[in-house]
Amino acid sequence: MKLKLARTTLKAKPKTVELKKIEDELSHKSIFYFDKDNSHKELKELIGYFEDKGFSVYMREVRYGLDENEYIYEVHIIA
């Protein structure tokens, strides 16, 4: 499964990352930011994938502006 990481600037295109790459990075960090272009279903699959492996996963929307469409997803994956 491919997910889109949060944009670094407003006009940038989101970079994609494989689920395996996220799993490999868990030894270095536990918080990941994903773009609003990811569907809620994709993020639920991400949560289910890591919960099945024994991780605790917490997801929330982070608003960075006043517009309804100005948000990203913050996902905490904890062993």
PDB file of N, CA and C in Angstrom:
ATOM      1  N   MET A   1       0.838  -1.169   0.000  1.00  0.00           N
ATOM      2  CA  MET A   1       0.000   0.000   0.000  1.00  0.00           C
ATOM      3  C   MET A   1       0.885   1.234   0.000  1.00  0.00           C
ATOM      4  N   LYS A   2       0.502   2.225  -0.795  1.00  0.00           N
ATOM      5  CA  LYS A   2       1.232   3.490  -0.840  1.00  0.00           C
ATOM      6  C   LYS A   2       0.399   4.571  -0.166  1.00  0.00           C
ATOM      7  N   LEU A   3       1.050   5.379   0.640  1.00  0.00           N
ATOM      8  CA  LEU A   3       0.403   6.511   1.299  1.00  0.00           C
ATOM      9  C   LEU A   3       1.154   7.776   0.943  1.00  0.00           C
ATOM     10  N   LYS A   4       0.476   8.900   1.017  1.00  0.00           N
ATOM     11  CA  LYS A   4       1.091  10.187   0.700  1.00  0.00           C
ATOM     12  C   LYS A   4       1.500  10.878   1.988  1.00  0.00           C
ATOM     13  N   LEU A   5       2.776  11.245   2.063  1.00  0.00           N
ATOM     14  CA  LEU A   5       3.268  11.993   3.217  1.00  0.00           C
ATOM     15  C   LEU A   5       2.800  13.437   3.124  1.00  0.00           C
ATOM     16  N   ALA A   6       2.753  14.118   4.242  1.00  0.00           N
ATOM     17  CA  ALA A   6       2.303  15.505   4.272  1.00  0.00           C
ATOM     18  C   ALA A   6       3.223  16.384   3.422  1.00  0.00           C
ATOM     19  N   ARG A   7       2.645  17.362   2.791  1.00  0.00           N
ATOM     20  CA  ARG A   7       3.408  18.301   1.968  1.00  0.00           C
ATOM     21  C   ARG A   7       4.289  19.171   2.860  1.00  0.00           C
ATOM     22  N   THR A   8       5.433  19.542   2.346  1.00  0.00           N
ATOM     23  CA  THR A   8       6.320  20.412   3.116  1.00  0.00           C
ATOM     24  C   THR A   8       6.033  21.884   2.850  1.00  0.00           C
ATOM     25  N   THR A   9       5.402  22.190   1.722  1.00  0.00           N
ATOM     26  CA  THR A   9       4.945  23.544   1.423  1.00  0.00           C
ATOM     27  C   THR A   9       3.543  23.447   0.830  1.00  0.00           C
ATOM     28  N   LEU A  10       2.831  24.542   0.786  1.00  0.00           N
ATOM     29  CA  LEU A  10       1.449  24.526   0.300  1.00  0.00           C
ATOM     30  C   LEU A  10       1.342  24.148  -1.166  1.00  0.00           C
ATOM     31  N   LYS A  11       2.337  24.514  -1.973  1.00  0.00           N
ATOM     32  CA  LYS A  11       2.259  24.252  -3.412  1.00  0.00           C
ATOM     33  C   LYS A  11       2.961  22.962  -3.832  1.00  0.00           C
ATOM     34  N   ALA A  12       3.634  22.297  -2.907  1.00  0.00           N
ATOM     35  CA  ALA A  12       4.354  21.060  -3.236  1.00  0.00           C
ATOM     36  C   ALA A  12       3.383  19.907  -3.429  1.00  0.00           C
ATOM     37  N   LYS A  13       3.829  18.910  -4.183  1.00  0.00           N
ATOM     38  CA  LYS A  13       3.043  17.687  -4.334  1.00  0.00           C
ATOM     39  C   LYS A  13       3.477  16.722  -3.232  1.00  0.00           C
ATOM     40  N   PRO A  14       2.540  15.957  -2.676  1.00  0.00           N
ATOM     41  CA  PRO A  14       2.910  15.023  -1.610  1.00  0.00           C
ATOM     42  C   PRO A  14       3.749  13.860  -2.148  1.00  0.00           C
ATOM     43  N   LYS A  15       4.735  13.438  -1.367  1.00  0.00           N
ATOM     44  CA  LYS A  15       5.563  12.290  -1.725  1.00  0.00           C
ATOM     45  C   LYS A  15       4.861  11.022  -1.241  1.00  0.00           C
ATOM     46  N   THR A  16       5.056   9.936  -1.974  1.00  0.00           N
ATOM     47  CA  THR A  16       4.442   8.679  -1.568  1.00  0.00           C
ATOM     48  C   THR A  16       5.462   7.801  -0.845  1.00  0.00           C
ATOM     49  N   VAL A  17       4.946   6.951   0.032  1.00  0.00           N
ATOM     50  CA  VAL A  17       5.785   6.050   0.805  1.00  0.00           C
ATOM     51  C   VAL A  17       5.073   4.710   0.917  1.00  0.00           C
ATOM     52  N   GLU A  18       5.851   3.644   0.853  1.00  0.00           N
ATOM     53  CA  GLU A  18       5.308   2.291   1.003  1.00  0.00           C
ATOM     54  C   GLU A  18       5.148   1.965   2.483  1.00  0.00           C
ATOM     55  N   LEU A  19       4.240   1.087   2.791  1.00  0.00           N
ATOM     56  CA  LEU A  19       3.991   0.656   4.158  1.00  0.00           C
ATOM     57  C   LEU A  19       5.239   0.025   4.772  1.00  0.00           C
ATOM     58  N   LYS A  20       5.988  -0.719   3.983  1.00  0.00           N
ATOM     59  CA  LYS A  20       7.212  -1.369   4.453  1.00  0.00           C
ATOM     60  C   LYS A  20       8.248  -0.326   4.886  1.00  0.00           C
ATOM     61  N   LYS A  21       8.337   0.780   4.173  1.00  0.00           N
ATOM     62  CA  LYS A  21       9.280   1.858   4.501  1.00  0.00           C
ATOM     63  C   LYS A  21       8.923   2.479   5.856  1.00  0.00           C
ATOM     64  N   ILE A  22       7.636   2.656   6.117  1.00  0.00           N
ATOM     65  CA  ILE A  22       7.189   3.192   7.409  1.00  0.00           C
ATOM     66  C   ILE A  22       7.593   2.228   8.515  1.00  0.00           C
ATOM     67  N   GLU A  23       7.389   0.940   8.273  1.00  0.00           N
ATOM     68  CA  GLU A  23       7.739  -0.072   9.265  1.00  0.00           C
ATOM     69  C   GLU A  23       9.245  -0.067   9.549  1.00  0.00           C
ATOM     70  N   ASP A  24      10.052   0.121   8.516  1.00  0.00           N
ATOM     71  CA  ASP A  24      11.506   0.179   8.691  1.00  0.00           C
ATOM     72  C   ASP A  24      11.937   1.398   9.501  1.00  0.00           C
ATOM     73  N   GLU A  25      11.218   2.505   9.384  1.00  0.00           N
ATOM     74  CA  GLU A  25      11.573   3.738  10.080  1.00  0.00           C
ATOM     75  C   GLU A  25      11.121   3.769  11.537  1.00  0.00           C
ATOM     76  N   LEU A  26      10.347   2.787  11.963  1.00  0.00           N
ATOM     77  CA  LEU A  26       9.830   2.776  13.335  1.00  0.00           C
ATOM     78  C   LEU A  26      10.937   2.710  14.389  1.00  0.00           C
ATOM     79  N   SER A  27      12.095   2.215  14.031  1.00  0.00           N
ATOM     80  CA  SER A  27      13.191   2.170  15.007  1.00  0.00           C
ATOM     81  C   SER A  27      13.767   3.570  15.258  1.00  0.00           C
ATOM     82  N   HIS A  28      13.518   4.516  14.338  1.00  0.00           N
ATOM     83  CA  HIS A  28      14.055   5.875  14.451  1.00  0.00           C
ATOM     84  C   HIS A  28      13.024   6.909  14.913  1.00  0.00           C
ATOM     85  N   LYS A  29      11.769   6.705  14.516  1.00  0.00           N
ATOM     86  CA  LYS A  29      10.729   7.665  14.897  1.00  0.00           C
ATOM     87  C   LYS A  29       9.391   6.966  15.010  1.00  0.00           C
ATOM     88  N   SER A  30       8.462   7.603  15.715  1.00  0.00           N
ATOM     89  CA  SER A  30       7.154   6.973  15.913  1.00  0.00           C
ATOM     90  C   SER A  30       5.998   7.867  15.486  1.00  0.00           C
ATOM     91  N   ILE A  31       6.272   9.079  15.047  1.00  0.00           N
ATOM     92  CA  ILE A  31       5.222   9.997  14.605  1.00  0.00           C
ATOM     93  C   ILE A  31       5.391  10.251  13.110  1.00  0.00           C
ATOM     94  N   PHE A  32       4.304  10.078  12.377  1.00  0.00           N
ATOM     95  CA  PHE A  32       4.320  10.282  10.934  1.00  0.00           C
ATOM     96  C   PHE A  32       3.191  11.230  10.560  1.00  0.00           C
ATOM     97  N   TYR A  33       3.422  12.053   9.545  1.00  0.00           N
ATOM     98  CA  TYR A  33       2.421  13.010   9.081  1.00  0.00           C
ATOM     99  C   TYR A  33       2.033  12.659   7.654  1.00  0.00           C
ATOM    100  N   PHE A  34       0.724  12.506   7.427  1.00  0.00           N
ATOM    101  CA  PHE A  34       0.217  12.117   6.120  1.00  0.00           C
ATOM    102  C   PHE A  34      -0.667  13.208   5.549  1.00  0.00           C
ATOM    103  N   ASP A  35      -0.696  13.278   4.224  1.00  0.00           N
ATOM    104  CA  ASP A  35      -1.426  14.316   3.512  1.00  0.00           C
ATOM    105  C   ASP A  35      -2.934  14.084   3.564  1.00  0.00           C
ATOM    106  N   LYS A  36      -3.674  15.151   3.393  1.00  0.00           N
ATOM    107  CA  LYS A  36      -5.135  15.079   3.398  1.00  0.00           C
ATOM    108  C   LYS A  36      -5.669  14.329   2.186  1.00  0.00           C
ATOM    109  N   ASP A  37      -4.838  14.111   1.150  1.00  0.00           N
ATOM    110  CA  ASP A  37      -5.269  13.396  -0.047  1.00  0.00           C
ATOM    111  C   ASP A  37      -5.421  11.892   0.187  1.00  0.00           C
ATOM    112  N   ASN A  38      -4.906  11.380   1.308  1.00  0.00           N
ATOM    113  CA  ASN A  38      -5.110   9.976   1.644  1.00  0.00           C
ATOM    114  C   ASN A  38      -6.570   9.790   2.048  1.00  0.00           C
ATOM    115  N   SER A  39      -7.146   8.677   1.631  1.00  0.00           N
ATOM    116  CA  SER A  39      -8.528   8.425   2.022  1.00  0.00           C
ATOM    117  C   SER A  39      -8.568   7.906   3.458  1.00  0.00           C
ATOM    118  N   HIS A  40      -9.713   8.096   4.095  1.00  0.00           N
ATOM    119  CA  HIS A  40      -9.874   7.623   5.470  1.00  0.00           C
ATOM    120  C   HIS A  40      -9.736   6.100   5.506  1.00  0.00           C
ATOM    121  N   LYS A  41     -10.189   5.440   4.466  1.00  0.00           N
ATOM    122  CA  LYS A  41     -10.095   3.983   4.366  1.00  0.00           C
ATOM    123  C   LYS A  41      -8.631   3.534   4.352  1.00  0.00           C
ATOM    124  N   GLU A  42      -7.785   4.233   3.609  1.00  0.00           N
ATOM    125  CA  GLU A  42      -6.360   3.897   3.548  1.00  0.00           C
ATOM    126  C   GLU A  42      -5.713   4.038   4.924  1.00  0.00           C
ATOM    127  N   LEU A  43      -6.055   5.094   5.638  1.00  0.00           N
ATOM    128  CA  LEU A  43      -5.476   5.309   6.958  1.00  0.00           C
ATOM    129  C   LEU A  43      -5.988   4.273   7.958  1.00  0.00           C
ATOM    130  N   LYS A  44      -7.233   3.841   7.825  1.00  0.00           N
ATOM    131  CA  LYS A  44      -7.756   2.776   8.681  1.00  0.00           C
ATOM    132  C   LYS A  44      -7.015   1.461   8.403  1.00  0.00           C
ATOM    133  N   GLU A  45      -6.683   1.209   7.143  1.00  0.00           N
ATOM    134  CA  GLU A  45      -5.907   0.011   6.791  1.00  0.00           C
ATOM    135  C   GLU A  45      -4.509   0.086   7.401  1.00  0.00           C
ATOM    136  N   LEU A  46      -3.901   1.268   7.397  1.00  0.00           N
ATOM    137  CA  LEU A  46      -2.595   1.474   8.025  1.00  0.00           C
ATOM    138  C   LEU A  46      -2.676   1.157   9.514  1.00  0.00           C
ATOM    139  N   ILE A  47      -3.698   1.669  10.172  1.00  0.00           N
ATOM    140  CA  ILE A  47      -3.882   1.429  11.605  1.00  0.00           C
ATOM    141  C   ILE A  47      -4.075  -0.066  11.860  1.00  0.00           C
ATOM    142  N   GLY A  48      -4.915  -0.702  11.085  1.00  0.00           N
ATOM    143  CA  GLY A  48      -5.160  -2.135  11.244  1.00  0.00           C
ATOM    144  C   GLY A  48      -3.902  -2.963  11.025  1.00  0.00           C
ATOM    145  N   TYR A  49      -3.101  -2.584  10.043  1.00  0.00           N
ATOM    146  CA  TYR A  49      -1.865  -3.300   9.740  1.00  0.00           C
ATOM    147  C   TYR A  49      -0.933  -3.304  10.943  1.00  0.00           C
ATOM    148  N   PHE A  50      -0.727  -2.135  11.550  1.00  0.00           N
ATOM    149  CA  PHE A  50       0.203  -2.054  12.675  1.00  0.00           C
ATOM    150  C   PHE A  50      -0.396  -2.608  13.970  1.00  0.00           C
ATOM    151  N   GLU A  51      -1.698  -2.488  14.153  1.00  0.00           N
ATOM    152  CA  GLU A  51      -2.330  -3.087  15.333  1.00  0.00           C
ATOM    153  C   GLU A  51      -2.251  -4.611  15.274  1.00  0.00           C
ATOM    154  N   ASP A  52      -2.359  -5.185  14.074  1.00  0.00           N
ATOM    155  CA  ASP A  52      -2.219  -6.628  13.914  1.00  0.00           C
ATOM    156  C   ASP A  52      -0.807  -7.101  14.258  1.00  0.00           C
ATOM    157  N   LYS A  53       0.160  -6.216  14.118  1.00  0.00           N
ATOM    158  CA  LYS A  53       1.550  -6.546  14.444  1.00  0.00           C
ATOM    159  C   LYS A  53       1.888  -6.256  15.908  1.00  0.00           C
ATOM    160  N   GLY A  54       0.891  -5.809  16.694  1.00  0.00           N
ATOM    161  CA  GLY A  54       1.094  -5.587  18.120  1.00  0.00           C
ATOM    162  C   GLY A  54       1.455  -4.170  18.520  1.00  0.00           C
ATOM    163  N   PHE A  55       1.354  -3.220  17.607  1.00  0.00           N
ATOM    164  CA  PHE A  55       1.640  -1.823  17.910  1.00  0.00           C
ATOM    165  C   PHE A  55       0.371  -1.113  18.378  1.00  0.00           C
ATOM    166  N   SER A  56       0.540  -0.061  19.155  1.00  0.00           N
ATOM    167  CA  SER A  56      -0.563   0.833  19.491  1.00  0.00           C
ATOM    168  C   SER A  56      -0.509   1.995  18.512  1.00  0.00           C
ATOM    169  N   VAL A  57      -1.645   2.334  17.918  1.00  0.00           N
ATOM    170  CA  VAL A  57      -1.677   3.375  16.888  1.00  0.00           C
ATOM    171  C   VAL A  57      -2.734   4.412  17.261  1.00  0.00           C
ATOM    172  N   TYR A  58      -2.341   5.692  17.143  1.00  0.00           N
ATOM    173  CA  TYR A  58      -3.243   6.797  17.424  1.00  0.00           C
ATOM    174  C   TYR A  58      -3.205   7.750  16.244  1.00  0.00           C
ATOM    175  N   MET A  59      -4.365   8.141  15.708  1.00  0.00           N
ATOM    176  CA  MET A  59      -4.427   9.059  14.573  1.00  0.00           C
ATOM    177  C   MET A  59      -5.331  10.236  14.905  1.00  0.00           C
ATOM    178  N   ARG A  60      -4.934  11.409  14.457  1.00  0.00           N
ATOM    179  CA  ARG A  60      -5.785  12.591  14.613  1.00  0.00           C
ATOM    180  C   ARG A  60      -5.550  13.546  13.454  1.00  0.00           C
ATOM    181  N   GLU A  61      -6.509  14.430  13.230  1.00  0.00           N
ATOM    182  CA  GLU A  61      -6.372  15.480  12.223  1.00  0.00           C
ATOM    183  C   GLU A  61      -5.736  16.688  12.885  1.00  0.00           C
ATOM    184  N   VAL A  62      -4.775  17.286  12.196  1.00  0.00           N
ATOM    185  CA  VAL A  62      -4.119  18.496  12.685  1.00  0.00           C
ATOM    186  C   VAL A  62      -4.479  19.624  11.719  1.00  0.00           C
ATOM    187  N   ARG A  63      -5.160  20.617  12.219  1.00  0.00           N
ATOM    188  CA  ARG A  63      -5.543  21.771  11.398  1.00  0.00           C
ATOM    189  C   ARG A  63      -4.451  22.827  11.477  1.00  0.00           C
ATOM    190  N   TYR A  64      -4.045  23.351  10.312  1.00  0.00           N
ATOM    191  CA  TYR A  64      -2.995  24.360  10.283  1.00  0.00           C
ATOM    192  C   TYR A  64      -3.473  25.685   9.699  1.00  0.00           C
ATOM    193  N   GLY A  65      -4.758  25.790   9.453  1.00  0.00           N
ATOM    194  CA  GLY A  65      -5.320  27.030   8.933  1.00  0.00           C
ATOM    195  C   GLY A  65      -6.799  27.105   9.246  1.00  0.00           C
ATOM    196  N   LEU A  66      -7.440  28.172   8.800  1.00  0.00           N
ATOM    197  CA  LEU A  66      -8.855  28.374   9.086  1.00  0.00           C
ATOM    198  C   LEU A  66      -9.767  27.688   8.083  1.00  0.00           C
ATOM    199  N   ASP A  67      -9.255  27.359   6.917  1.00  0.00           N
ATOM    200  CA  ASP A  67     -10.059  26.707   5.891  1.00  0.00           C
ATOM    201  C   ASP A  67     -10.314  25.250   6.261  1.00  0.00           C
ATOM    202  N   GLU A  68     -11.465  24.724   5.851  1.00  0.00           N
ATOM    203  CA  GLU A  68     -11.817  23.333   6.144  1.00  0.00           C
ATOM    204  C   GLU A  68     -10.824  22.343   5.552  1.00  0.00           C
ATOM    205  N   ASN A  69     -10.208  22.688   4.442  1.00  0.00           N
ATOM    206  CA  ASN A  69      -9.309  21.784   3.737  1.00  0.00           C
ATOM    207  C   ASN A  69      -7.856  21.930   4.148  1.00  0.00           C
ATOM    208  N   GLU A  70      -7.572  22.656   5.190  1.00  0.00           N
ATOM    209  CA  GLU A  70      -6.192  22.848   5.639  1.00  0.00           C
ATOM    210  C   GLU A  70      -5.928  21.969   6.857  1.00  0.00           C
ATOM    211  N   TYR A  71      -5.638  20.704   6.574  1.00  0.00           N
ATOM    212  CA  TYR A  71      -5.341  19.771   7.654  1.00  0.00           C
ATOM    213  C   TYR A  71      -4.426  18.663   7.140  1.00  0.00           C
ATOM    214  N   ILE A  72      -3.773  17.984   8.056  1.00  0.00           N
ATOM    215  CA  ILE A  72      -2.984  16.793   7.772  1.00  0.00           C
ATOM    216  C   ILE A  72      -3.339  15.755   8.833  1.00  0.00           C
ATOM    217  N   TYR A  73      -2.915  14.526   8.613  1.00  0.00           N
ATOM    218  CA  TYR A  73      -3.142  13.468   9.586  1.00  0.00           C
ATOM    219  C   TYR A  73      -1.838  13.211  10.344  1.00  0.00           C
ATOM    220  N   GLU A  74      -1.935  13.145  11.654  1.00  0.00           N
ATOM    221  CA  GLU A  74      -0.796  12.815  12.494  1.00  0.00           C
ATOM    222  C   GLU A  74      -1.038  11.407  13.046  1.00  0.00           C
ATOM    223  N   VAL A  75      -0.064  10.515  12.819  1.00  0.00           N
ATOM    224  CA  VAL A  75      -0.219   9.122  13.242  1.00  0.00           C
ATOM    225  C   VAL A  75       0.949   8.763  14.167  1.00  0.00           C
ATOM    226  N   HIS A  76       0.619   8.306  15.366  1.00  0.00           N
ATOM    227  CA  HIS A  76       1.607   7.832  16.339  1.00  0.00           C
ATOM    228  C   HIS A  76       1.567   6.309  16.314  1.00  0.00           C
ATOM    229  N   ILE A  77       2.724   5.685  16.108  1.00  0.00           N
ATOM    230  CA  ILE A  77       2.819   4.226  16.120  1.00  0.00           C
ATOM    231  C   ILE A  77       3.804   3.856  17.209  1.00  0.00           C
ATOM    232  N   ILE A  78       3.296   3.207  18.253  1.00  0.00           N
ATOM    233  CA  ILE A  78       4.102   2.924  19.448  1.00  0.00           C
ATOM    234  C   ILE A  78       4.154   1.417  19.687  1.00  0.00           C
ATOM    235  N   ALA A  79       5.364   0.925  19.948  1.00  0.00           N
ATOM    236  CA  ALA A  79       5.544  -0.517  20.200  1.00  0.00           C
ATOM    237  C   ALA A  79       5.059  -0.886  21.575  1.00  0.00           C
TER     238      ALA A  79
END
